[in-house]
């Protein structure tokens, strides 16, 4: 079985560095079923940053079950900046598991309520990419306006491109007609 793992490594966002996140690059990996090791019970000395790094490695290796488990643990036990990043990465896990409605919901949550502006913007853009899988073209603009009115046209453009890539020219035309000239 082969899978395409798509995600954006925004380690910089949760570490609060000044460098912007890199553009997502698809990585082809072999996937296999492996029994996931249990995540340790939450304790005061659990290093959530280390678990995020382990989750990132599992994600990039295509071990989505393990990555999901670790991101959920970080989401439940980390500080706000860490939980925003874990929620964002969990959205990519759900996307790669073809759980598109869950992925969209998580991206929208980060885009609307995230504490880091770069992560909010990336999550909003990624919500536009996922929307192609679950939404109707005529409902896209209202969703993007609720997420952040500043980037509506940008996200409509991303969505139109996604429809084009999937061979849905009529949906792409509906979206492009909604973009402010």
C-alpha atoms as a PDB file:
ATOM      1  CA  UNK A   1       0.000   0.000   0.000  1.00  0.00           C
ATOM      2  CA  UNK A   2       1.298   3.452  -0.878  1.00  0.00           C
ATOM      3  CA  UNK A   3       0.041   6.701   0.571  1.00  0.00           C
ATOM      4  CA  UNK A   4       0.759  10.350   0.086  1.00  0.00           C
ATOM      5  CA  UNK A   5       1.375  12.093   3.376  1.00  0.00           C
ATOM      6  CA  UNK A   6       0.608  15.786   3.149  1.00  0.00           C
ATOM      7  CA  UNK A   7       1.265  18.174   5.931  1.00  0.00           C
ATOM      8  CA  UNK A   8       2.956  21.352   6.895  1.00  0.00           C
ATOM      9  CA  UNK A   9       5.683  21.180   9.456  1.00  0.00           C
ATOM     10  CA  UNK A  10       5.030  24.205  11.584  1.00  0.00           C
ATOM     11  CA  UNK A  11       7.439  23.323  14.338  1.00  0.00           C
ATOM     12  CA  UNK A  12       8.573  26.928  14.138  1.00  0.00           C
ATOM     13  CA  UNK A  13       5.098  28.135  15.109  1.00  0.00           C
ATOM     14  CA  UNK A  14       4.860  26.219  18.327  1.00  0.00           C
ATOM     15  CA  UNK A  15       8.439  26.996  19.231  1.00  0.00           C
ATOM     16  CA  UNK A  16       7.708  30.660  18.518  1.00  0.00           C
ATOM     17  CA  UNK A  17      10.656  31.304  16.220  1.00  0.00           C
ATOM     18  CA  UNK A  18      10.681  34.143  13.766  1.00  0.00           C
ATOM     19  CA  UNK A  19      10.933  32.079  10.571  1.00  0.00           C
ATOM     20  CA  UNK A  20       7.743  31.568   8.528  1.00  0.00           C
ATOM     21  CA  UNK A  21       6.492  28.017   7.938  1.00  0.00           C
ATOM     22  CA  UNK A  22       7.643  26.228   4.818  1.00  0.00           C
ATOM     23  CA  UNK A  23       5.187  25.351   2.081  1.00  0.00           C
ATOM     24  CA  UNK A  24       3.760  21.832   2.362  1.00  0.00           C
ATOM     25  CA  UNK A  25       5.484  19.235   0.234  1.00  0.00           C
ATOM     26  CA  UNK A  26       3.895  15.851  -0.474  1.00  0.00           C
ATOM     27  CA  UNK A  27       6.099  12.989   0.615  1.00  0.00           C
ATOM     28  CA  UNK A  28       5.541   9.492  -0.705  1.00  0.00           C
ATOM     29  CA  UNK A  29       6.025   6.833   1.946  1.00  0.00           C
ATOM     30  CA  UNK A  30       5.359   3.160   2.424  1.00  0.00           C
ATOM     31  CA  UNK A  31       2.711   2.479   5.033  1.00  0.00           C
ATOM     32  CA  UNK A  32       2.328  -0.579   7.208  1.00  0.00           C
ATOM     33  CA  UNK A  33       0.134  -1.644  10.061  1.00  0.00           C
ATOM     34  CA  UNK A  34       1.999  -1.627  13.351  1.00  0.00           C
ATOM     35  CA  UNK A  35       0.622  -1.995  16.846  1.00  0.00           C
ATOM     36  CA  UNK A  36       0.871   1.430  18.422  1.00  0.00           C
ATOM     37  CA  UNK A  37       2.716   1.737  21.694  1.00  0.00           C
ATOM     38  CA  UNK A  38       0.592   3.247  24.439  1.00  0.00           C
ATOM     39  CA  UNK A  39       1.171   6.903  25.188  1.00  0.00           C
ATOM     40  CA  UNK A  40       2.247   7.399  28.795  1.00  0.00           C
ATOM     41  CA  UNK A  41      -0.429   8.623  31.172  1.00  0.00           C
ATOM     42  CA  UNK A  42      -0.248  12.390  31.685  1.00  0.00           C
ATOM     43  CA  UNK A  43       2.158  13.386  34.424  1.00  0.00           C
ATOM     44  CA  UNK A  44       3.756  16.630  35.426  1.00  0.00           C
ATOM     45  CA  UNK A  45       7.074  15.588  33.892  1.00  0.00           C
ATOM     46  CA  UNK A  46       5.741  14.603  30.457  1.00  0.00           C
ATOM     47  CA  UNK A  47       7.628  16.606  27.843  1.00  0.00           C
ATOM     48  CA  UNK A  48       4.897  17.570  25.376  1.00  0.00           C
ATOM     49  CA  UNK A  49       7.470  19.053  22.985  1.00  0.00           C
ATOM     50  CA  UNK A  50       9.235  15.693  22.768  1.00  0.00           C
ATOM     51  CA  UNK A  51       5.917  13.986  22.102  1.00  0.00           C
ATOM     52  CA  UNK A  52       5.181  16.479  19.325  1.00  0.00           C
ATOM     53  CA  UNK A  53       8.524  15.678  17.750  1.00  0.00           C
ATOM     54  CA  UNK A  54       7.760  11.957  18.008  1.00  0.00           C
ATOM     55  CA  UNK A  55       4.316  12.564  16.524  1.00  0.00           C
ATOM     56  CA  UNK A  56       5.879  14.511  13.647  1.00  0.00           C
ATOM     57  CA  UNK A  57       8.275  11.641  12.952  1.00  0.00           C
ATOM     58  CA  UNK A  58       5.394   9.141  13.014  1.00  0.00           C
ATOM     59  CA  UNK A  59       3.372  11.366  10.675  1.00  0.00           C
ATOM     60  CA  UNK A  60       6.218  11.684   8.181  1.00  0.00           C
ATOM     61  CA  UNK A  61       6.821   7.924   8.352  1.00  0.00           C
ATOM     62  CA  UNK A  62       3.173   7.314   7.500  1.00  0.00           C
ATOM     63  CA  UNK A  63       2.282   5.857  10.896  1.00  0.00           C
ATOM     64  CA  UNK A  64      -0.923   7.837  11.128  1.00  0.00           C
ATOM     65  CA  UNK A  65      -2.382   5.848  14.026  1.00  0.00           C
ATOM     66  CA  UNK A  66       0.643   6.576  16.211  1.00  0.00           C
ATOM     67  CA  UNK A  67       0.787  10.212  15.092  1.00  0.00           C
ATOM     68  CA  UNK A  68      -2.920  10.617  15.890  1.00  0.00           C
ATOM     69  CA  UNK A  69      -2.428   9.142  19.351  1.00  0.00           C
ATOM     70  CA  UNK A  70       0.507  11.425  20.148  1.00  0.00           C
ATOM     71  CA  UNK A  71      -1.132  14.584  18.772  1.00  0.00           C
ATOM     72  CA  UNK A  72      -4.280  13.841  20.793  1.00  0.00           C
ATOM     73  CA  UNK A  73      -2.149  13.427  23.909  1.00  0.00           C
ATOM     74  CA  UNK A  74      -0.426  16.766  23.282  1.00  0.00           C
ATOM     75  CA  UNK A  75      -3.827  18.344  22.656  1.00  0.00           C
ATOM     76  CA  UNK A  76      -5.035  17.137  26.047  1.00  0.00           C
ATOM     77  CA  UNK A  77      -1.895  18.008  28.035  1.00  0.00           C
ATOM     78  CA  UNK A  78      -0.004  20.876  26.474  1.00  0.00           C
ATOM     79  CA  UNK A  79      -0.052  24.658  26.794  1.00  0.00           C
ATOM     80  CA  UNK A  80      -2.212  26.654  24.357  1.00  0.00           C
ATOM     81  CA  UNK A  81       0.460  27.198  21.672  1.00  0.00           C
ATOM     82  CA  UNK A  82       1.239  23.478  21.726  1.00  0.00           C
ATOM     83  CA  UNK A  83      -2.402  22.447  21.609  1.00  0.00           C
ATOM     84  CA  UNK A  84      -3.042  24.705  18.606  1.00  0.00           C
ATOM     85  CA  UNK A  85      -0.161  23.056  16.747  1.00  0.00           C
ATOM     86  CA  UNK A  86      -1.306  19.562  17.815  1.00  0.00           C
ATOM     87  CA  UNK A  87      -4.848  20.328  16.622  1.00  0.00           C
ATOM     88  CA  UNK A  88      -3.465  21.587  13.296  1.00  0.00           C
ATOM     89  CA  UNK A  89      -1.355  18.471  12.789  1.00  0.00           C
ATOM     90  CA  UNK A  90      -4.222  16.234  13.899  1.00  0.00           C
ATOM     91  CA  UNK A  91      -6.248  17.833  11.093  1.00  0.00           C
ATOM     92  CA  UNK A  92      -3.579  16.685   8.616  1.00  0.00           C
ATOM     93  CA  UNK A  93      -3.694  13.184  10.099  1.00  0.00           C
ATOM     94  CA  UNK A  94      -7.470  13.124   9.615  1.00  0.00           C
ATOM     95  CA  UNK A  95      -7.046  14.416   6.056  1.00  0.00           C
ATOM     96  CA  UNK A  96      -4.621  11.615   5.264  1.00  0.00           C
ATOM     97  CA  UNK A  97      -7.057   9.119   6.813  1.00  0.00           C
ATOM     98  CA  UNK A  98      -9.748  10.456   4.415  1.00  0.00           C
ATOM     99  CA  UNK A  99     -11.721  11.797   7.384  1.00  0.00           C
ATOM    100  CA  UNK A 100     -12.343  15.068   5.586  1.00  0.00           C
ATOM    101  CA  UNK A 101     -15.192  16.507   7.702  1.00  0.00           C
ATOM    102  CA  UNK A 102     -13.085  16.058  10.862  1.00  0.00           C
ATOM    103  CA  UNK A 103     -10.049  17.581   9.147  1.00  0.00           C
ATOM    104  CA  UNK A 104     -12.070  20.593   8.022  1.00  0.00           C
ATOM    105  CA  UNK A 105     -13.537  21.104  11.510  1.00  0.00           C
ATOM    106  CA  UNK A 106     -10.063  21.023  13.107  1.00  0.00           C
ATOM    107  CA  UNK A 107      -8.546  23.395  10.543  1.00  0.00           C
ATOM    108  CA  UNK A 108     -11.430  25.840  11.075  1.00  0.00           C
ATOM    109  CA  UNK A 109     -11.003  25.655  14.869  1.00  0.00           C
ATOM    110  CA  UNK A 110      -7.308  26.551  14.589  1.00  0.00           C
ATOM    111  CA  UNK A 111      -7.985  29.255  11.976  1.00  0.00           C
ATOM    112  CA  UNK A 112     -10.629  30.909  14.155  1.00  0.00           C
ATOM    113  CA  UNK A 113      -9.206  30.453  17.645  1.00  0.00           C
ATOM    114  CA  UNK A 114      -5.471  29.744  17.322  1.00  0.00           C
ATOM    115  CA  UNK A 115      -3.044  31.842  19.350  1.00  0.00           C
ATOM    116  CA  UNK A 116      -0.401  32.142  16.606  1.00  0.00           C
ATOM    117  CA  UNK A 117      -1.202  34.316  13.562  1.00  0.00           C
ATOM    118  CA  UNK A 118       0.945  32.265  11.160  1.00  0.00           C
ATOM    119  CA  UNK A 119      -0.696  29.044  12.263  1.00  0.00           C
ATOM    120  CA  UNK A 120      -4.174  30.597  11.959  1.00  0.00           C
ATOM    121  CA  UNK A 121      -3.404  31.709   8.398  1.00  0.00           C
ATOM    122  CA  UNK A 122      -1.982  28.299   7.412  1.00  0.00           C
ATOM    123  CA  UNK A 123      -4.974  26.510   8.950  1.00  0.00           C
ATOM    124  CA  UNK A 124      -7.404  28.760   7.082  1.00  0.00           C
ATOM    125  CA  UNK A 125      -5.619  28.092   3.792  1.00  0.00           C
ATOM    126  CA  UNK A 126      -5.632  24.359   4.485  1.00  0.00           C
ATOM    127  CA  UNK A 127      -9.337  24.518   5.347  1.00  0.00           C
ATOM    128  CA  UNK A 128      -9.848  25.823   1.807  1.00  0.00           C
ATOM    129  CA  UNK A 129      -7.965  22.805   0.424  1.00  0.00           C
ATOM    130  CA  UNK A 130     -10.037  20.352   2.462  1.00  0.00           C
ATOM    131  CA  UNK A 131     -13.317  22.121   1.711  1.00  0.00           C
ATOM    132  CA  UNK A 132     -13.114  20.814  -1.856  1.00  0.00           C
ATOM    133  CA  UNK A 133     -13.649  17.302  -0.455  1.00  0.00           C
ATOM    134  CA  UNK A 134     -16.745  18.026   1.641  1.00  0.00           C
ATOM    135  CA  UNK A 135     -18.349  21.372   0.844  1.00  0.00           C
ATOM    136  CA  UNK A 136     -20.560  22.847  -1.823  1.00  0.00           C
ATOM    137  CA  UNK A 137     -19.094  25.677  -3.916  1.00  0.00           C
ATOM    138  CA  UNK A 138     -21.952  28.068  -3.148  1.00  0.00           C
ATOM    139  CA  UNK A 139     -21.321  27.773   0.619  1.00  0.00           C
ATOM    140  CA  UNK A 140     -17.563  28.418   0.531  1.00  0.00           C
ATOM    141  CA  UNK A 141     -17.557  32.214   0.761  1.00  0.00           C
ATOM    142  CA  UNK A 142     -19.695  32.382   3.935  1.00  0.00           C
ATOM    143  CA  UNK A 143     -17.416  29.850   5.658  1.00  0.00           C
ATOM    144  CA  UNK A 144     -14.248  31.708   4.664  1.00  0.00           C
ATOM    145  CA  UNK A 145     -15.771  35.007   5.808  1.00  0.00           C
ATOM    146  CA  UNK A 146     -16.465  33.474   9.237  1.00  0.00           C
ATOM    147  CA  UNK A 147     -12.905  32.162   9.443  1.00  0.00           C
ATOM    148  CA  UNK A 148     -11.229  35.489   8.577  1.00  0.00           C
ATOM    149  CA  UNK A 149     -12.635  38.120   6.196  1.00  0.00           C
ATOM    150  CA  UNK A 150      -9.122  39.337   5.364  1.00  0.00           C
ATOM    151  CA  UNK A 151      -8.245  36.228   3.353  1.00  0.00           C
ATOM    152  CA  UNK A 152     -11.563  35.301   1.713  1.00  0.00           C
ATOM    153  CA  UNK A 153     -10.467  35.882  -1.890  1.00  0.00           C
ATOM    154  CA  UNK A 154      -7.142  34.157  -1.316  1.00  0.00           C
ATOM    155  CA  UNK A 155      -8.915  31.079   0.062  1.00  0.00           C
ATOM    156  CA  UNK A 156     -11.468  31.094  -2.730  1.00  0.00           C
ATOM    157  CA  UNK A 157      -8.525  31.029  -5.153  1.00  0.00           C
ATOM    158  CA  UNK A 158      -6.991  28.075  -3.299  1.00  0.00           C
ATOM    159  CA  UNK A 159     -10.341  26.278  -3.414  1.00  0.00           C
ATOM    160  CA  UNK A 160     -10.816  26.989  -7.126  1.00  0.00           C
ATOM    161  CA  UNK A 161      -7.350  25.568  -7.803  1.00  0.00           C
ATOM    162  CA  UNK A 162      -8.223  22.483  -5.737  1.00  0.00           C
ATOM    163  CA  UNK A 163     -11.400  21.950  -7.767  1.00  0.00           C
ATOM    164  CA  UNK A 164      -9.372  22.329 -10.981  1.00  0.00           C
ATOM    165  CA  UNK A 165      -6.810  19.783  -9.781  1.00  0.00           C
ATOM    166  CA  UNK A 166      -9.626  17.313  -9.097  1.00  0.00           C
ATOM    167  CA  UNK A 167     -11.075  17.899 -12.570  1.00  0.00           C
ATOM    168  CA  UNK A 168     -14.171  19.752 -11.376  1.00  0.00           C
ATOM    169  CA  UNK A 169     -14.122  22.751 -13.728  1.00  0.00           C
ATOM    170  CA  UNK A 170     -17.744  23.727 -13.077  1.00  0.00           C
ATOM    171  CA  UNK A 171     -17.179  24.029  -9.310  1.00  0.00           C
ATOM    172  CA  UNK A 172     -13.955  25.967  -9.954  1.00  0.00           C
ATOM    173  CA  UNK A 173     -15.910  28.393 -12.183  1.00  0.00           C
ATOM    174  CA  UNK A 174     -18.551  28.899  -9.453  1.00  0.00           C
ATOM    175  CA  UNK A 175     -15.796  29.715  -6.963  1.00  0.00           C
ATOM    176  CA  UNK A 176     -13.909  32.039  -9.302  1.00  0.00           C
ATOM    177  CA  UNK A 177     -17.128  33.984  -9.912  1.00  0.00           C
ATOM    178  CA  UNK A 178     -17.236  34.717  -6.156  1.00  0.00           C
ATOM    179  CA  UNK A 179     -13.742  36.256  -6.063  1.00  0.00           C
ATOM    180  CA  UNK A 180     -13.816  40.036  -5.716  1.00  0.00           C
ATOM    181  CA  UNK A 181     -12.338  41.661  -8.856  1.00  0.00           C
END
